[in-house]
Amino acid sequence: MLFCLTANHRNTDFDVLDRISRVATTTAADLLAAHDFVRGAVVLATCNRFEAYLEIEEPLPAAGVLAREAILDVLRDPAGADADRLRASAVALSGDDVVRHLFAVSSGLESMVVGEEEISGQVRRALAAARAAGTTSTELEQAFQRAVRATREVRAKADLGAAGRSLARLALDLVEARVPDWAGTPVLLVGTGRYAATTIAALHARGARHVRVYSRTGRAARFAARYGVRPEDDLRRALDGVDVVVTCTSRYTLGVDDLGAARPRLVVDLGLPRNVDPAVGALPGVELLDLDLIGRHATLPELGPGAHELVGSAAASFTAERAAAPAVVALRAHVEEALEAEIARQRARGGDEATAGALRHLAGVILHGPSVRAREHAAAGRLGEFEDALRTVFGIEVRTAGEDGARSRDGRSAAG
């Protein structure tokens, strides 16, 4: 069974998100190490959400409650004084609700900036990180891969991407009145990650010409050459020469000592965890705009036609395919057993590979229709009728994953 605990900008205080996002890279491994009933885990931590997706053993008494407590237990120490606030605000989802939620998240429908461009990439990277850490599972792999595919379909049909929505663009929109002339305003970008490229594009779209970039990793020169900006290798010196600072890095926290009070500055913090110490906002002449403040001013733009309906349809299709899979597998196994027996007989009589290929092609053609019918019946809540037909016509008994025995954490049969 799939399970998700989500804490996001809509239900959880930003200070809580800031605390727990600092352990995002280790949460999945900690969950698998601490609990045998957790088959797989993927953690999605972005600028406005922390979500832990689990595949858990089923059936389990109160499985959802156990999963929720497992996640909250791992997050208790990093949440610190905010642990009770997290417990009260985080939302738990299970089963098909997890799939619908993940598809909506990947499509940008649950973002601070609805329809944002970056989220599907963050979903892909969360899955890649889980693979690298060895914490993913078959069901989670399938759900995340299909969520990304559904995002492309939704964006194409609902025209979500046409507006070029992103958090960086929203942040710059909010400070537009404070920057009368972007062309003449020196700007420093702190960070060279994937989100930094979006920020550069948003700055250039506003006519910014004097953009500098600093990276603690030493990547500033390469990034600057690629995007046509000026690299900086000394942060404090760079800060002394700019009026606007935009941070989007996970490797550095800008503090009071970095900025000082040499000149008025506008500081935009796009990071979670925070890239800028909140105390910076109290410095004379410094105005700090962070994700908490950005979120309060985020508006819900008009979406393309039927965006939510498209996401719901994609999630329903995936759920139906999963439900129908055991019946389809059973039917294919039945046909393939008969097929291989017939191919063996043909070879014994002198049949060649062309004959075997023709038989396999015929089997594929025959199986296509019933496979489609199985998914259609599952989507309509009538899968039992299809399984009854298999039992009546072919004598096939459909066995679920639970009946086949316990699976290992990568989703495969313990015997296979």
Protein backbone atom coordinates (compact mmCIF):
# COMPACT_ATOMS: atom_id res chain seq x y z
CA MET A 1 0.00 0.00 0.00
CA LEU A 2 1.18 3.52 -0.75
CA PHE A 3 1.21 6.12 2.01
CA CYS A 4 2.16 9.80 2.11
CA LEU A 5 2.61 12.34 4.89
CA THR A 6 2.60 15.86 3.48
CA ALA A 7 3.57 19.09 5.19
CA ASN A 8 3.34 22.03 2.82
CA HIS A 9 2.82 25.78 2.65
CA ARG A 10 -0.94 25.33 2.87
CA ASN A 11 -1.09 23.32 6.08
CA THR A 12 2.22 23.78 7.90
CA ASP A 13 4.04 26.79 9.30
CA PHE A 14 7.12 27.81 7.32
CA ASP A 15 9.38 27.57 10.37
CA VAL A 16 8.40 23.90 10.73
CA LEU A 17 9.12 23.23 7.05
CA ASP A 18 12.48 24.93 7.42
CA ARG A 19 13.45 22.65 10.32
CA ILE A 20 12.43 19.31 8.85
CA SER A 21 13.72 20.05 5.35
CA ARG A 22 17.24 19.98 6.79
CA VAL A 23 17.05 16.18 7.20
CA ALA A 24 15.36 15.43 3.86
CA THR A 25 18.38 13.58 2.48
CA THR A 26 18.44 11.02 5.31
CA THR A 27 14.75 10.59 6.15
CA ALA A 28 14.02 7.77 3.68
CA ALA A 29 16.99 5.67 4.78
CA ASP A 30 16.15 6.26 8.45
CA LEU A 31 12.59 5.03 7.87
CA LEU A 32 13.70 1.82 6.16
CA ALA A 33 16.33 1.14 8.81
CA ALA A 34 13.90 1.62 11.69
CA HIS A 35 10.79 -0.17 10.41
CA ASP A 36 10.52 -3.58 8.74
CA PHE A 37 7.03 -2.85 7.41
CA VAL A 38 8.37 -0.02 5.23
CA ARG A 39 9.23 -1.50 1.81
CA GLY A 40 10.35 1.72 0.19
CA ALA A 41 10.53 5.47 0.76
CA VAL A 42 10.92 8.57 -1.39
CA VAL A 43 11.17 12.04 0.16
CA LEU A 44 10.16 15.11 -1.85
CA ALA A 45 11.47 18.31 -0.26
CA THR A 46 11.03 21.50 -2.26
CA CYS A 47 10.81 25.21 -1.55
CA ASN A 48 7.31 24.84 -0.13
CA ARG A 49 6.77 21.23 0.91
CA PHE A 50 8.14 18.19 2.70
CA GLU A 51 6.52 14.92 1.71
CA ALA A 52 7.45 11.35 2.62
CA TYR A 53 6.04 8.70 0.28
CA LEU A 54 6.14 5.13 1.54
CA GLU A 55 5.26 1.69 0.29
CA ILE A 56 4.23 -0.30 3.36
CA GLU A 57 3.40 -3.94 4.02
CA GLU A 58 -0.22 -4.88 3.61
CA PRO A 59 -2.34 -6.06 5.28
CA LEU A 60 -1.28 -4.51 8.57
CA PRO A 61 -3.58 -3.50 11.41
CA ALA A 62 -3.81 0.29 11.40
CA ALA A 63 -1.14 0.44 8.67
CA GLY A 64 -1.72 4.13 7.99
CA VAL A 65 -1.40 5.03 11.67
CA LEU A 66 1.85 3.07 11.94
CA ALA A 67 3.27 4.78 8.86
CA ARG A 68 2.29 8.24 10.08
CA GLU A 69 3.87 7.64 13.48
CA ALA A 70 7.02 6.24 11.85
CA ILE A 71 7.55 9.41 9.82
CA LEU A 72 6.76 11.74 12.70
CA ASP A 73 9.14 9.81 14.93
CA VAL A 74 12.00 10.28 12.44
CA LEU A 75 11.20 14.00 12.23
CA ARG A 76 10.75 14.57 15.97
CA ASP A 77 14.33 15.63 16.72
CA PRO A 78 14.80 17.96 13.72
CA ALA A 79 11.36 19.47 14.35
CA GLY A 80 12.40 20.17 17.92
CA ALA A 81 10.01 22.54 19.65
CA ASP A 82 7.81 22.44 16.55
CA ALA A 83 7.20 18.66 16.71
CA ASP A 84 3.68 19.09 18.12
CA ARG A 85 2.84 21.70 15.47
CA LEU A 86 4.00 19.29 12.77
CA ARG A 87 1.90 16.47 14.22
CA ALA A 88 -1.18 18.69 14.24
CA SER A 89 -0.75 20.10 10.74
CA ALA A 90 0.70 17.36 8.54
CA VAL A 91 -1.81 15.51 6.36
CA ALA A 92 -1.75 11.73 5.88
CA LEU A 93 -2.92 10.05 2.67
CA SER A 94 -3.11 6.38 1.72
CA GLY A 95 -3.94 4.14 -1.22
CA ASP A 96 -5.32 5.77 -4.34
CA ASP A 97 -5.36 9.19 -2.65
CA VAL A 98 -1.55 9.11 -2.66
CA VAL A 99 -1.48 8.59 -6.42
CA ARG A 100 -3.90 11.45 -7.08
CA HIS A 101 -1.94 13.73 -4.78
CA LEU A 102 1.43 12.87 -6.33
CA PHE A 103 0.10 13.45 -9.85
CA ALA A 104 -1.32 16.83 -8.80
CA VAL A 105 1.94 17.81 -7.08
CA SER A 106 4.04 16.86 -10.11
CA SER A 107 1.73 18.85 -12.39
CA GLY A 108 2.15 21.95 -10.22
CA LEU A 109 -1.46 22.08 -9.05
CA GLU A 110 -0.41 21.95 -5.38
CA SER A 111 2.45 24.45 -5.64
CA MET A 112 2.76 27.88 -4.09
CA VAL A 113 2.79 29.16 -7.67
CA VAL A 114 0.15 27.00 -9.31
CA GLY A 115 1.43 25.44 -12.50
CA GLU A 116 5.11 26.16 -11.68
CA GLU A 117 7.65 24.72 -14.07
CA GLU A 118 10.26 23.38 -11.63
CA ILE A 119 8.23 20.86 -9.64
CA SER A 120 8.23 17.97 -12.13
CA GLY A 121 12.04 18.12 -12.21
CA GLN A 122 12.09 18.04 -8.42
CA VAL A 123 9.86 14.95 -8.49
CA ARG A 124 12.28 13.24 -10.89
CA ARG A 125 15.25 14.14 -8.73
CA ALA A 126 13.53 12.87 -5.58
CA LEU A 127 13.07 9.48 -7.26
CA ALA A 128 16.67 9.51 -8.52
CA ALA A 129 17.92 10.27 -5.00
CA ALA A 130 15.88 7.37 -3.60
CA ARG A 131 17.36 5.06 -6.24
CA ALA A 132 20.87 6.19 -5.39
CA ALA A 133 20.20 5.61 -1.68
CA GLY A 134 18.54 2.24 -2.34
CA THR A 135 15.26 3.24 -0.67
CA THR A 136 12.79 3.12 -3.54
CA SER A 137 10.44 0.23 -4.39
CA THR A 138 8.54 -1.09 -7.41
CA GLU A 139 5.26 0.64 -6.55
CA LEU A 140 6.94 3.95 -5.77
CA GLU A 141 8.99 3.73 -8.98
CA GLN A 142 5.85 3.15 -11.03
CA ALA A 143 3.89 5.93 -9.34
CA PHE A 144 6.65 8.55 -9.65
CA GLN A 145 7.48 7.67 -13.24
CA ARG A 146 3.84 7.87 -14.27
CA ALA A 147 3.39 11.14 -12.37
CA VAL A 148 6.14 12.74 -14.44
CA ARG A 149 4.64 11.37 -17.65
CA ALA A 150 1.19 12.63 -16.65
CA THR A 151 2.69 16.08 -16.00
CA ARG A 152 3.84 16.33 -19.62
CA GLU A 153 0.37 15.34 -20.83
CA VAL A 154 -1.41 17.78 -18.51
CA ARG A 155 0.86 20.65 -19.49
CA ALA A 156 0.33 19.94 -23.18
CA LYS A 157 -3.46 19.73 -22.92
CA ALA A 158 -4.14 22.33 -20.22
CA ASP A 159 -1.47 24.79 -21.39
CA LEU A 160 -0.03 25.11 -17.89
CA GLY A 161 3.48 25.79 -19.13
CA ALA A 162 2.56 28.64 -21.46
CA ALA A 163 2.56 31.25 -18.70
CA GLY A 164 6.12 30.34 -17.63
CA ARG A 165 5.15 30.17 -13.97
CA SER A 166 7.90 29.90 -11.38
CA LEU A 167 8.63 30.93 -7.82
CA ALA A 168 11.48 33.16 -9.01
CA ARG A 169 9.16 35.06 -11.33
CA LEU A 170 6.60 35.51 -8.57
CA ALA A 171 9.27 36.80 -6.17
CA LEU A 172 10.54 39.32 -8.72
CA ASP A 173 6.97 40.39 -9.45
CA LEU A 174 6.52 41.16 -5.76
CA VAL A 175 9.62 43.37 -5.61
CA GLU A 176 8.98 45.10 -8.94
CA ALA A 177 7.83 48.33 -7.29
CA ARG A 178 11.06 48.51 -5.24
CA VAL A 179 13.28 48.19 -8.32
CA PRO A 180 12.33 50.99 -10.73
CA ASP A 181 15.07 50.18 -13.25
CA TRP A 182 16.28 46.57 -13.50
CA ALA A 183 18.65 47.49 -16.32
CA GLY A 184 20.66 49.75 -14.03
CA THR A 185 20.39 47.68 -10.86
CA PRO A 186 23.32 45.42 -9.87
CA VAL A 187 22.07 41.97 -8.78
CA LEU A 188 23.89 39.10 -7.09
CA LEU A 189 22.67 35.53 -7.41
CA VAL A 190 23.98 33.19 -4.69
CA GLY A 191 23.88 29.60 -5.96
CA THR A 192 24.32 27.80 -9.28
CA GLY A 193 21.91 24.89 -8.99
CA ARG A 194 19.04 23.99 -11.29
CA TYR A 195 16.79 26.65 -9.80
CA ALA A 196 19.42 29.35 -10.39
CA ALA A 197 18.97 29.04 -14.16
CA THR A 198 15.26 29.84 -13.80
CA THR A 199 16.14 32.87 -11.69
CA ILE A 200 18.60 34.13 -14.31
CA ALA A 201 15.92 33.79 -16.99
CA ALA A 202 13.45 35.73 -14.84
CA LEU A 203 16.01 38.49 -14.25
CA HIS A 204 16.90 38.76 -17.93
CA ALA A 205 13.21 38.88 -18.82
CA ARG A 206 12.96 42.03 -16.70
CA GLY A 207 15.90 43.64 -18.43
CA ALA A 208 18.52 43.08 -15.73
CA ARG A 209 21.97 43.63 -17.27
CA HIS A 210 24.31 43.71 -14.30
CA VAL A 211 23.90 40.21 -12.84
CA ARG A 212 26.66 38.53 -10.87
CA VAL A 213 26.80 35.00 -9.49
CA TYR A 214 28.61 33.51 -6.49
CA SER A 215 28.93 29.82 -5.68
CA ARG A 216 30.60 28.29 -2.66
CA THR A 217 31.35 25.19 -4.77
CA GLY A 218 33.52 27.11 -7.23
CA ARG A 219 31.10 26.66 -10.12
CA ALA A 220 30.41 30.36 -10.63
CA ALA A 221 32.76 30.81 -13.60
CA ARG A 222 31.28 27.95 -15.61
CA PHE A 223 27.72 28.99 -14.74
CA ALA A 224 28.43 32.62 -15.60
CA ALA A 225 29.90 31.70 -18.99
CA ARG A 226 26.84 29.63 -19.82
CA TYR A 227 24.27 32.25 -18.86
CA GLY A 228 26.08 35.45 -19.74
CA VAL A 229 26.57 36.86 -16.23
CA ARG A 230 29.62 37.87 -14.18
CA PRO A 231 31.24 35.38 -11.76
CA GLU A 232 32.33 36.34 -8.26
CA ASP A 233 34.76 34.40 -6.06
CA ASP A 234 34.48 36.50 -2.89
CA LEU A 235 31.01 36.73 -1.36
CA ARG A 236 31.46 39.75 0.88
CA ARG A 237 33.14 41.78 -1.84
CA ALA A 238 30.34 40.85 -4.24
CA LEU A 239 27.70 41.87 -1.70
CA ASP A 240 29.27 45.29 -1.29
CA GLY A 241 28.58 46.13 -4.93
CA VAL A 242 24.94 45.12 -5.43
CA ASP A 243 21.48 46.39 -4.56
CA VAL A 244 19.53 43.14 -4.95
CA VAL A 245 20.55 39.69 -3.66
CA VAL A 246 18.73 36.51 -4.68
CA THR A 247 19.68 33.27 -2.94
CA CYS A 248 18.88 29.75 -4.14
CA THR A 249 21.44 27.34 -2.70
CA SER A 250 21.50 24.55 -0.16
CA ARG A 251 25.19 25.04 0.65
CA TYR A 252 25.34 28.44 2.30
CA THR A 253 23.39 30.54 4.77
CA LEU A 254 23.77 34.29 4.40
CA GLY A 255 24.20 35.88 7.80
CA VAL A 256 24.37 39.32 9.40
CA ASP A 257 28.17 39.36 9.22
CA ASP A 258 28.05 38.75 5.47
CA LEU A 259 25.84 41.71 4.64
CA GLY A 260 26.66 44.29 7.27
CA ALA A 261 24.92 47.62 6.67
CA ALA A 262 27.06 49.30 4.05
CA ARG A 263 24.20 50.09 1.68
CA PRO A 264 20.44 49.49 1.36
CA ARG A 265 19.69 46.09 -0.08
CA LEU A 266 16.75 43.98 -1.13
CA VAL A 267 17.36 40.31 -0.27
CA VAL A 268 15.19 37.57 -1.81
CA ASP A 269 15.56 34.14 -0.18
CA LEU A 270 14.20 31.33 -2.40
CA GLY A 271 15.68 28.52 -0.33
CA LEU A 272 14.26 25.84 1.93
CA PRO A 273 16.00 25.33 4.28
CA ARG A 274 16.47 29.06 4.55
CA ASN A 275 19.46 30.51 2.71
CA VAL A 276 19.33 33.74 4.73
CA ASP A 277 19.33 34.15 8.51
CA PRO A 278 16.04 35.91 9.45
CA ALA A 279 18.12 38.34 11.55
CA VAL A 280 19.34 39.85 8.27
CA GLY A 281 15.89 41.37 7.84
CA ALA A 282 16.43 43.48 10.96
CA LEU A 283 19.55 45.18 9.59
CA PRO A 284 19.16 48.90 8.82
CA GLY A 285 18.34 49.45 5.17
CA VAL A 286 17.83 45.74 4.41
CA GLU A 287 14.50 44.32 3.30
CA LEU A 288 14.19 40.54 3.37
CA LEU A 289 11.66 38.65 1.26
CA ASP A 290 11.58 34.93 2.08
CA LEU A 291 9.35 32.02 1.10
CA ASP A 292 7.04 32.61 4.04
CA LEU A 293 6.28 36.13 2.85
CA ILE A 294 6.17 35.11 -0.81
CA GLY A 295 3.64 32.41 0.02
CA ARG A 296 1.30 34.90 1.66
CA HIS A 297 1.18 36.94 -1.55
CA ALA A 298 0.99 34.07 -4.01
CA THR A 299 -2.18 34.26 -6.05
CA LEU A 300 -3.99 31.39 -7.72
CA PRO A 301 -3.77 32.00 -11.46
CA GLU A 302 -6.28 30.81 -13.98
CA LEU A 303 -5.44 27.29 -15.05
CA GLY A 304 -5.78 25.85 -18.48
CA PRO A 305 -9.08 24.12 -19.26
CA GLY A 306 -9.69 21.01 -17.19
CA ALA A 307 -6.27 20.80 -15.51
CA HIS A 308 -7.62 19.13 -12.37
CA GLU A 309 -9.81 16.82 -14.45
CA LEU A 310 -6.83 15.78 -16.57
CA VAL A 311 -4.76 15.00 -13.49
CA GLY A 312 -7.64 13.03 -11.99
CA SER A 313 -8.08 11.05 -15.19
CA ALA A 314 -4.36 10.23 -15.42
CA ALA A 315 -4.30 9.09 -11.79
CA ALA A 316 -7.43 6.98 -12.28
CA SER A 317 -5.91 5.31 -15.35
CA PHE A 318 -2.76 4.45 -13.44
CA THR A 319 -4.77 3.08 -10.52
CA ALA A 320 -6.85 0.96 -12.88
CA GLU A 321 -3.73 -0.44 -14.54
CA ARG A 322 -2.29 -1.38 -11.16
CA ALA A 323 -5.53 -3.05 -10.11
CA ALA A 324 -5.78 -4.98 -13.38
CA ALA A 325 -2.12 -6.03 -13.43
CA PRO A 326 -2.52 -9.37 -11.54
CA ALA A 327 -5.31 -10.48 -13.89
CA VAL A 328 -3.36 -9.43 -16.98
CA VAL A 329 -0.21 -11.17 -15.72
CA ALA A 330 -2.17 -14.35 -14.98
CA LEU A 331 -3.72 -14.37 -18.45
CA ARG A 332 -0.39 -13.72 -20.17
CA ALA A 333 1.29 -16.47 -18.15
CA HIS A 334 -1.47 -18.90 -19.16
CA VAL A 335 -1.16 -18.03 -22.85
CA GLU A 336 2.66 -17.99 -22.81
CA GLU A 337 2.77 -21.42 -21.22
CA ALA A 338 0.65 -22.81 -24.04
CA LEU A 339 2.68 -20.80 -26.58
CA GLU A 340 6.06 -22.16 -25.46
CA ALA A 341 4.70 -25.71 -25.48
CA GLU A 342 3.47 -25.26 -29.05
CA ILE A 343 6.77 -23.69 -30.16
CA ALA A 344 8.63 -26.66 -28.67
CA ARG A 345 6.40 -29.05 -30.65
CA GLN A 346 6.96 -27.09 -33.85
CA ARG A 347 10.73 -27.16 -33.38
CA ALA A 348 10.62 -30.92 -32.78
CA ARG A 349 8.90 -31.21 -36.17
CA GLY A 350 11.52 -29.05 -37.89
CA GLY A 351 9.90 -25.66 -37.42
CA ASP A 352 12.22 -22.64 -37.71
CA GLU A 353 12.51 -19.30 -35.86
CA ALA A 354 10.18 -17.66 -38.35
CA THR A 355 7.41 -20.00 -37.20
CA ALA A 356 8.18 -19.28 -33.55
CA GLY A 357 8.16 -15.53 -34.24
CA ALA A 358 4.82 -15.76 -36.01
CA LEU A 359 3.29 -17.66 -33.07
CA ARG A 360 4.59 -15.10 -30.57
CA HIS A 361 3.19 -12.26 -32.67
CA LEU A 362 -0.20 -14.00 -32.84
CA ALA A 363 -0.20 -14.46 -29.05
CA GLY A 364 0.52 -10.77 -28.58
CA VAL A 365 -2.34 -9.79 -30.86
CA ILE A 366 -4.73 -12.11 -29.04
CA LEU A 367 -3.69 -10.80 -25.61
CA HIS A 368 -4.02 -7.12 -26.48
CA GLY A 369 -7.82 -6.98 -26.41
CA PRO A 370 -8.30 -8.77 -23.07
CA SER A 371 -5.56 -6.62 -21.49
CA VAL A 372 -7.43 -3.47 -22.53
CA ARG A 373 -10.72 -4.92 -21.26
CA ALA A 374 -9.10 -5.71 -17.90
CA ARG A 375 -8.03 -2.09 -17.41
CA GLU A 376 -11.43 -0.81 -18.54
CA HIS A 377 -13.22 -3.09 -16.08
CA ALA A 378 -10.85 -2.03 -13.29
CA ALA A 379 -11.51 1.64 -14.02
CA ALA A 380 -15.26 0.97 -13.90
CA GLY A 381 -15.03 -0.96 -10.63
CA ARG A 382 -15.92 -4.23 -12.37
CA LEU A 383 -12.59 -6.06 -12.24
CA GLY A 384 -14.22 -8.93 -10.39
CA GLU A 385 -16.30 -9.69 -13.48
CA PHE A 386 -13.17 -9.97 -15.60
CA GLU A 387 -11.49 -12.25 -13.05
CA ASP A 388 -14.62 -14.42 -12.90
CA ALA A 389 -14.52 -14.72 -16.68
CA LEU A 390 -10.88 -15.87 -16.58
CA ARG A 391 -11.77 -18.46 -13.99
CA THR A 392 -14.79 -19.70 -15.96
CA VAL A 393 -13.26 -19.76 -19.45
CA PHE A 394 -9.62 -20.67 -18.76
CA GLY A 395 -9.60 -21.94 -15.19
CA ILE A 396 -7.23 -19.13 -14.22
CA GLU A 397 -7.10 -18.13 -10.57
CA VAL A 398 -5.85 -14.56 -10.15
CA ARG A 399 -3.49 -14.23 -7.19
CA THR A 400 -2.66 -10.87 -5.63
CA ALA A 401 0.80 -9.85 -4.48
CA GLY A 402 -0.18 -10.59 -0.89
CA GLU A 403 -1.20 -14.15 -1.80
CA ASP A 404 2.07 -14.74 -3.61
CA GLY A 405 4.02 -14.23 -0.43
CA ALA A 406 6.11 -11.48 1.05
CA ARG A 407 8.08 -9.29 -1.33
CA SER A 408 11.50 -7.84 -0.81
CA ARG A 409 11.99 -4.08 -0.52
CA ASP A 410 12.69 -3.71 -4.21
CA GLY A 411 9.18 -5.05 -4.87
CA ARG A 412 10.23 -8.44 -6.24
CA SER A 413 9.12 -11.82 -4.99
CA ALA A 414 11.37 -13.22 -2.28
CA ALA A 415 11.66 -16.36 -4.38
CA GLY A 416 12.52 -14.50 -7.56
